[in-house]
Amino acid sequence: KGRFTISRDNAKSTVYLQMSSLKPKDTAVYYCAS
């Protein structure tokens, strides 16, 4: 919270995850799901 932002652009059929102030503990495989 306060570091990541999820958004969607339906016209482009795309979802985004903007990640800021990244920390080593954010290290992972990131998966998108619907």
All heavy atoms as atom14 arrays in JSON, in Angstrom:
{
  "sequence": "KGRFTISRDNAKSTVYLQMSSLKPKDTAVYYCAS",
  "atom14_mask": [
    [1, 1, 1, 1, 1, 1, 1, 1, 1, 0, 0, 0, 0, 0],
    [1, 1, 1, 1, 0, 0, 0, 0, 0, 0, 0, 0, 0, 0],
    [1, 1, 1, 1, 1, 1, 1, 1, 1, 1, 1, 0, 0, 0],
    [1, 1, 1, 1, 1, 1, 1, 1, 1, 1, 1, 0, 0, 0],
    [1, 1, 1, 1, 1, 1, 1, 0, 0, 0, 0, 0, 0, 0],
    [1, 1, 1, 1, 1, 1, 1, 1, 0, 0, 0, 0, 0, 0],
    [1, 1, 1, 1, 1, 1, 0, 0, 0, 0, 0, 0, 0, 0],
    [1, 1, 1, 1, 1, 1, 1, 1, 1, 1, 1, 0, 0, 0],
    [1, 1, 1, 1, 1, 1, 1, 1, 0, 0, 0, 0, 0, 0],
    [1, 1, 1, 1, 1, 1, 1, 1, 0, 0, 0, 0, 0, 0],
    [1, 1, 1, 1, 1, 0, 0, 0, 0, 0, 0, 0, 0, 0],
    [1, 1, 1, 1, 1, 1, 1, 1, 1, 0, 0, 0, 0, 0],
    [1, 1, 1, 1, 1, 1, 0, 0, 0, 0, 0, 0, 0, 0],
    [1, 1, 1, 1, 1, 1, 1, 0, 0, 0, 0, 0, 0, 0],
    [1, 1, 1, 1, 1, 1, 1, 0, 0, 0, 0, 0, 0, 0],
    [1, 1, 1, 1, 1, 1, 1, 1, 1, 1, 1, 1, 0, 0],
    [1, 1, 1, 1, 1, 1, 1, 1, 0, 0, 0, 0, 0, 0],
    [1, 1, 1, 1, 1, 1, 1, 1, 1, 0, 0, 0, 0, 0],
    [1, 1, 1, 1, 1, 1, 1, 1, 0, 0, 0, 0, 0, 0],
    [1, 1, 1, 1, 1, 1, 0, 0, 0, 0, 0, 0, 0, 0],
    [1, 1, 1, 1, 1, 1, 0, 0, 0, 0, 0, 0, 0, 0],
    [1, 1, 1, 1, 1, 1, 1, 1, 0, 0, 0, 0, 0, 0],
    [1, 1, 1, 1, 1, 1, 1, 1, 1, 0, 0, 0, 0, 0],
    [1, 1, 1, 1, 1, 1, 1, 0, 0, 0, 0, 0, 0, 0],
    [1, 1, 1, 1, 1, 1, 1, 1, 1, 0, 0, 0, 0, 0],
    [1, 1, 1, 1, 1, 1, 1, 1, 0, 0, 0, 0, 0, 0],
    [1, 1, 1, 1, 1, 1, 1, 0, 0, 0, 0, 0, 0, 0],
    [1, 1, 1, 1, 1, 0, 0, 0, 0, 0, 0, 0, 0, 0],
    [1, 1, 1, 1, 1, 1, 1, 0, 0, 0, 0, 0, 0, 0],
    [1, 1, 1, 1, 1, 1, 1, 1, 1, 1, 1, 1, 0, 0],
    [1, 1, 1, 1, 1, 1, 1, 1, 1, 1, 1, 1, 0, 0],
    [1, 1, 1, 1, 1, 1, 0, 0, 0, 0, 0, 0, 0, 0],
    [1, 1, 1, 1, 1, 0, 0, 0, 0, 0, 0, 0, 0, 0],
    [1, 1, 1, 1, 1, 1, 0, 0, 0, 0, 0, 0, 0, 0]
  ],
  "atom14_positions": [
    [[0.83, -1.2, 0.0], [0.0, 0.0, 0.0], [0.86, 1.25, 0.0], [1.82, 1.37, 0.75], [-0.92, 0.01, 1.21], [-2.14, -0.87, 1.08], [-3.01, -0.81, 2.32], [-4.24, -1.73, 2.18], [-5.06, -1.73, 3.41], [0.0, 0.0, 0.0], [0.0, 0.0, 0.0], [0.0, 0.0, 0.0], [0.0, 0.0, 0.0], [0.0, 0.0, 0.0]],
    [[0.5, 2.19, -0.87], [1.25, 3.43, -0.98], [2.46, 3.34, -1.89], [3.07, 4.37, -2.2], [0.0, 0.0, 0.0], [0.0, 0.0, 0.0], [0.0, 0.0, 0.0], [0.0, 0.0, 0.0], [0.0, 0.0, 0.0], [0.0, 0.0, 0.0], [0.0, 0.0, 0.0], [0.0, 0.0, 0.0], [0.0, 0.0, 0.0], [0.0, 0.0, 0.0]],
    [[2.81, 2.12, -2.31], [3.97, 1.97, -3.2], [3.57, 1.41, -4.57], [4.21, 1.73, -5.57], [4.98, 1.01, -2.56], [5.53, 1.48, -1.23], [6.68, 0.6, -0.76], [6.29, -0.79, -0.55], [6.86, -1.83, -1.16], [7.83, -1.64, -2.04], [6.45, -3.07, -0.89], [0.0, 0.0, 0.0], [0.0, 0.0, 0.0], [0.0, 0.0, 0.0]],
    [[2.55, 0.59, -4.6], [2.11, -0.05, -5.85], [0.75, 0.5, -6.26], [-0.09, 0.83, -5.41], [1.99, -1.56, -5.68], [3.29, -2.3, -5.51], [4.49, -1.65, -5.29], [3.3, -3.69, -5.59], [5.68, -2.35, -5.13], [4.46, -4.41, -5.44], [5.66, -3.73, -5.2], [0.0, 0.0, 0.0], [0.0, 0.0, 0.0], [0.0, 0.0, 0.0]],
    [[0.53, 0.56, -7.57], [-0.76, 0.99, -8.11], [-1.18, 0.06, -9.25], [-0.41, -0.14, -10.2], [-0.69, 2.42, -8.65], [-0.28, 3.31, -7.6], [-2.06, 2.87, -9.16], [0.0, 0.0, 0.0], [0.0, 0.0, 0.0], [0.0, 0.0, 0.0], [0.0, 0.0, 0.0], [0.0, 0.0, 0.0], [0.0, 0.0, 0.0], [0.0, 0.0, 0.0]],
    [[-2.37, -0.49, -9.12], [-2.93, -1.32, -10.18], [-3.89, -0.47, -11.0], [-4.6, 0.37, -10.47], [-3.64, -2.57, -9.62], [-4.07, -3.51, -10.75], [-4.82, -2.19, -8.74], [-4.61, -4.86, -10.25], [0.0, 0.0, 0.0], [0.0, 0.0, 0.0], [0.0, 0.0, 0.0], [0.0, 0.0, 0.0], [0.0, 0.0, 0.0], [0.0, 0.0, 0.0]],
    [[-3.87, -0.68, -12.3], [-4.78, 0.05, -13.18], [-5.12, -0.83, -14.38], [-4.46, -1.84, -14.62], [-4.17, 1.37, -13.63], [-2.98, 1.15, -14.38], [0.0, 0.0, 0.0], [0.0, 0.0, 0.0], [0.0, 0.0, 0.0], [0.0, 0.0, 0.0], [0.0, 0.0, 0.0], [0.0, 0.0, 0.0], [0.0, 0.0, 0.0], [0.0, 0.0, 0.0]],
    [[-6.15, -0.39, -15.1], [-6.54, -1.17, -16.26], [-6.91, -0.25, -17.41], [-7.43, 0.85, -17.19], [-7.72, -2.09, -15.92], [-9.0, -1.38, -15.48], [-10.01, -2.38, -14.92], [-10.36, -3.39, -15.9], [-10.84, -4.58, -15.59], [-11.02, -4.92, -14.33], [-11.15, -5.43, -16.55], [0.0, 0.0, 0.0], [0.0, 0.0, 0.0], [0.0, 0.0, 0.0]],
    [[-6.63, -0.7, -18.61], [-7.01, 0.0, -19.82], [-7.79, -1.01, -20.67], [-7.2, -1.82, -21.39], [-5.78, 0.51, -20.57], [-6.15, 1.37, -21.76], [-7.26, 1.24, -22.29], [-5.31, 2.19, -22.17], [0.0, 0.0, 0.0], [0.0, 0.0, 0.0], [0.0, 0.0, 0.0], [0.0, 0.0, 0.0], [0.0, 0.0, 0.0], [0.0, 0.0, 0.0]],
    [[-9.1, -0.97, -20.53], [-9.93, -1.97, -21.2], [-9.82, -1.87, -22.72], [-9.89, -2.88, -23.42], [-11.38, -1.83, -20.77], [-11.58, -2.2, -19.31], [-10.85, -3.02, -18.74], [-12.58, -1.58, -18.69], [0.0, 0.0, 0.0], [0.0, 0.0, 0.0], [0.0, 0.0, 0.0], [0.0, 0.0, 0.0], [0.0, 0.0, 0.0], [0.0, 0.0, 0.0]],
    [[-9.64, -0.68, -23.22], [-9.52, -0.5, -24.68], [-8.28, -1.19, -25.23], [-8.28, -1.65, -26.37], [-9.5, 0.99, -25.02], [0.0, 0.0, 0.0], [0.0, 0.0, 0.0], [0.0, 0.0, 0.0], [0.0, 0.0, 0.0], [0.0, 0.0, 0.0], [0.0, 0.0, 0.0], [0.0, 0.0, 0.0], [0.0, 0.0, 0.0], [0.0, 0.0, 0.0]],
    [[-7.25, -1.27, -24.4], [-6.01, -1.94, -24.81], [-5.93, -3.37, -24.28], [-4.92, -4.04, -24.48], [-4.8, -1.14, -24.32], [-4.67, 0.23, -24.96], [-3.4, 0.93, -24.47], [-3.23, 2.28, -25.16], [-2.01, 2.99, -24.7], [0.0, 0.0, 0.0], [0.0, 0.0, 0.0], [0.0, 0.0, 0.0], [0.0, 0.0, 0.0], [0.0, 0.0, 0.0]],
    [[-6.95, -3.79, -23.57], [-6.97, -5.13, -22.99], [-5.73, -5.39, -22.15], [-5.12, -6.47, -22.22], [-7.09, -6.2, -24.1], [-8.31, -6.08, -24.79], [0.0, 0.0, 0.0], [0.0, 0.0, 0.0], [0.0, 0.0, 0.0], [0.0, 0.0, 0.0], [0.0, 0.0, 0.0], [0.0, 0.0, 0.0], [0.0, 0.0, 0.0], [0.0, 0.0, 0.0]],
    [[-5.36, -4.41, -21.36], [-4.13, -4.48, -20.59], [-4.34, -4.0, -19.16], [-5.08, -3.03, -18.93], [-3.03, -3.64, -21.25], [-2.82, -4.1, -22.6], [-1.71, -3.76, -20.49], [0.0, 0.0, 0.0], [0.0, 0.0, 0.0], [0.0, 0.0, 0.0], [0.0, 0.0, 0.0], [0.0, 0.0, 0.0], [0.0, 0.0, 0.0], [0.0, 0.0, 0.0]],
    [[-3.7, -4.7, -18.24], [-3.69, -4.32, -16.84], [-2.25, -4.01, -16.45], [-1.32, -4.67, -16.93], [-4.26, -5.44, -15.96], [-4.2, -5.07, -14.49], [-5.7, -5.73, -16.36], [0.0, 0.0, 0.0], [0.0, 0.0, 0.0], [0.0, 0.0, 0.0], [0.0, 0.0, 0.0], [0.0, 0.0, 0.0], [0.0, 0.0, 0.0], [0.0, 0.0, 0.0]],
    [[-2.08, -3.03, -15.6], [-0.75, -2.59, -15.21], [-0.57, -2.7, -13.7], [-1.53, -2.63, -12.93], [-0.53, -1.14, -15.63], [-0.74, -0.88, -17.09], [-1.94, -0.37, -17.56], [0.27, -1.14, -18.01], [-2.14, -0.13, -18.91], [0.09, -0.9, -19.36], [-1.12, -0.39, -19.8], [-1.3, -0.16, -21.14], [0.0, 0.0, 0.0], [0.0, 0.0, 0.0]],
    [[0.7, -2.84, -13.31], [1.07, -2.74, -11.91], [2.29, -1.83, -11.85], [3.39, -2.23, -12.25], [1.38, -4.1, -11.3], [1.69, -4.07, -9.8], [0.41, -3.71, -9.02], [2.24, -5.41, -9.32], [0.0, 0.0, 0.0], [0.0, 0.0, 0.0], [0.0, 0.0, 0.0], [0.0, 0.0, 0.0], [0.0, 0.0, 0.0], [0.0, 0.0, 0.0]],
    [[2.07, -0.61, -11.4], [3.17, 0.34, -11.22], [3.75, 0.12, -9.83], [3.04, 0.23, -8.83], [2.66, 1.77, -11.35], [3.73, 2.82, -11.12], [4.79, 2.82, -12.19], [4.48, 2.8, -13.39], [6.06, 2.81, -11.78], [0.0, 0.0, 0.0], [0.0, 0.0, 0.0], [0.0, 0.0, 0.0], [0.0, 0.0, 0.0], [0.0, 0.0, 0.0]],
    [[5.02, -0.18, -9.79], [5.69, -0.48, -8.52], [6.77, 0.56, -8.26], [7.65, 0.76, -9.1], [6.31, -1.88, -8.56], [5.31, -2.98, -8.93], [6.01, -4.63, -8.84], [7.23, -4.54, -10.14], [0.0, 0.0, 0.0], [0.0, 0.0, 0.0], [0.0, 0.0, 0.0], [0.0, 0.0, 0.0], [0.0, 0.0, 0.0], [0.0, 0.0, 0.0]],
    [[6.7, 1.2, -7.12], [7.67, 2.23, -6.75], [8.25, 1.91, -5.38], [7.72, 1.08, -4.65], [7.0, 3.6, -6.74], [6.42, 3.9, -7.98], [0.0, 0.0, 0.0], [0.0, 0.0, 0.0], [0.0, 0.0, 0.0], [0.0, 0.0, 0.0], [0.0, 0.0, 0.0], [0.0, 0.0, 0.0], [0.0, 0.0, 0.0], [0.0, 0.0, 0.0]],
    [[9.36, 2.58, -5.06], [10.03, 2.37, -3.77], [10.22, 0.89, -3.51], [9.93, 0.38, -2.41], [9.21, 3.01, -2.65], [9.06, 4.4, -2.87], [0.0, 0.0, 0.0], [0.0, 0.0, 0.0], [0.0, 0.0, 0.0], [0.0, 0.0, 0.0], [0.0, 0.0, 0.0], [0.0, 0.0, 0.0], [0.0, 0.0, 0.0], [0.0, 0.0, 0.0]],
    [[10.72, 0.2, -4.5], [10.86, -1.25, -4.39], [11.86, -1.65, -3.32], [12.86, -0.95, -3.09], [11.26, -1.84, -5.74], [10.1, -1.94, -6.74], [10.61, -2.09, -8.16], [9.2, -3.11, -6.38], [0.0, 0.0, 0.0], [0.0, 0.0, 0.0], [0.0, 0.0, 0.0], [0.0, 0.0, 0.0], [0.0, 0.0, 0.0], [0.0, 0.0, 0.0]],
    [[11.57, -2.77, -2.69], [12.4, -3.29, -1.62], [12.86, -4.71, -1.98], [12.16, -5.4, -2.74], [11.59, -3.34, -0.31], [10.98, -2.01, 0.08], [10.09, -2.16, 1.31], [9.45, -0.83, 1.69], [8.59, -0.96, 2.89], [0.0, 0.0, 0.0], [0.0, 0.0, 0.0], [0.0, 0.0, 0.0], [0.0, 0.0, 0.0], [0.0, 0.0, 0.0]],
    [[13.95, -5.15, -1.42], [14.39, -6.53, -1.7], [13.31, -7.57, -1.42], [13.24, -8.59, -2.11], [15.61, -6.68, -0.78], [16.18, -5.29, -0.69], [14.97, -4.4, -0.65], [0.0, 0.0, 0.0], [0.0, 0.0, 0.0], [0.0, 0.0, 0.0], [0.0, 0.0, 0.0], [0.0, 0.0, 0.0], [0.0, 0.0, 0.0], [0.0, 0.0, 0.0]],
    [[12.48, -7.33, -0.42], [11.43, -8.3, -0.1], [10.33, -8.35, -1.15], [9.44, -9.2, -1.09], [10.82, -8.0, 1.26], [10.07, -6.69, 1.36], [9.5, -6.49, 2.76], [8.72, -5.21, 2.89], [8.15, -5.03, 4.25], [0.0, 0.0, 0.0], [0.0, 0.0, 0.0], [0.0, 0.0, 0.0], [0.0, 0.0, 0.0], [0.0, 0.0, 0.0]],
    [[10.34, -7.43, -2.12], [9.4, -7.49, -3.24], [9.86, -8.48, -4.31], [9.13, -8.72, -5.27], [9.24, -6.11, -3.86], [8.58, -5.11, -2.93], [7.62, -5.48, -2.23], [9.04, -3.94, -2.9], [0.0, 0.0, 0.0], [0.0, 0.0, 0.0], [0.0, 0.0, 0.0], [0.0, 0.0, 0.0], [0.0, 0.0, 0.0], [0.0, 0.0, 0.0]],
    [[11.06, -9.01, -4.16], [11.58, -9.96, -5.13], [10.69, -11.2, -5.19], [10.42, -11.83, -4.17], [13.02, -10.37, -4.77], [13.86, -9.22, -4.88], [13.52, -11.47, -5.69], [0.0, 0.0, 0.0], [0.0, 0.0, 0.0], [0.0, 0.0, 0.0], [0.0, 0.0, 0.0], [0.0, 0.0, 0.0], [0.0, 0.0, 0.0], [0.0, 0.0, 0.0]],
    [[10.22, -11.52, -6.39], [9.3, -12.65, -6.58], [8.99, -12.79, -8.06], [9.33, -11.92, -8.87], [8.01, -12.42, -5.79], [0.0, 0.0, 0.0], [0.0, 0.0, 0.0], [0.0, 0.0, 0.0], [0.0, 0.0, 0.0], [0.0, 0.0, 0.0], [0.0, 0.0, 0.0], [0.0, 0.0, 0.0], [0.0, 0.0, 0.0], [0.0, 0.0, 0.0]],
    [[8.31, -13.88, -8.38], [7.68, -13.99, -9.69], [6.29, -13.39, -9.57], [5.53, -13.77, -8.66], [7.61, -15.45, -10.17], [6.89, -15.52, -11.52], [9.0, -16.05, -10.28], [0.0, 0.0, 0.0], [0.0, 0.0, 0.0], [0.0, 0.0, 0.0], [0.0, 0.0, 0.0], [0.0, 0.0, 0.0], [0.0, 0.0, 0.0], [0.0, 0.0, 0.0]],
    [[5.97, -12.49, -10.45], [4.68, -11.8, -10.42], [3.77, -12.37, -11.5], [4.18, -12.49, -12.66], [4.87, -10.3, -10.62], [5.4, -9.61, -9.38], [6.7, -9.82, -8.94], [4.58, -8.77, -8.63], [7.18, -9.22, -7.79], [5.04, -8.15, -7.49], [6.34, -8.38, -7.07], [6.8, -7.77, -5.93], [0.0, 0.0, 0.0], [0.0, 0.0, 0.0]],
    [[2.55, -12.69, -11.08], [1.58, -13.31, -11.98], [0.36, -12.4, -12.13], [-0.14, -11.85, -11.16], [1.12, -14.65, -11.45], [2.2, -15.68, -11.31], [2.91, -15.82, -10.13], [2.51, -16.53, -12.38], [3.92, -16.78, -10.0], [3.51, -17.49, -12.26], [4.21, -17.6, -11.07], [5.2, -18.55, -10.97], [0.0, 0.0, 0.0], [0.0, 0.0, 0.0]],
    [[-0.12, -12.34, -13.35], [-1.38, -11.68, -13.64], [-2.47, -12.75, -13.7], [-2.22, -13.88, -14.16], [-1.26, -10.97, -14.99], [-2.76, -10.22, -15.61], [0.0, 0.0, 0.0], [0.0, 0.0, 0.0], [0.0, 0.0, 0.0], [0.0, 0.0, 0.0], [0.0, 0.0, 0.0], [0.0, 0.0, 0.0], [0.0, 0.0, 0.0], [0.0, 0.0, 0.0]],
    [[-3.67, -12.39, -13.24], [-4.76, -13.36, -13.25], [-6.07, -12.65, -13.53], [-6.24, -11.47, -13.21], [-4.84, -14.08, -11.9], [0.0, 0.0, 0.0], [0.0, 0.0, 0.0], [0.0, 0.0, 0.0], [0.0, 0.0, 0.0], [0.0, 0.0, 0.0], [0.0, 0.0, 0.0], [0.0, 0.0, 0.0], [0.0, 0.0, 0.0], [0.0, 0.0, 0.0]],
    [[-7.0, -13.4, -14.13], [-8.34, -12.85, -14.38], [-9.4, -13.83, -13.9], [-9.18, -15.04, -13.85], [-8.54, -12.55, -15.86], [-8.68, -13.75, -16.61], [0.0, 0.0, 0.0], [0.0, 0.0, 0.0], [0.0, 0.0, 0.0], [0.0, 0.0, 0.0], [0.0, 0.0, 0.0], [0.0, 0.0, 0.0], [0.0, 0.0, 0.0], [0.0, 0.0, 0.0]]
  ]
}
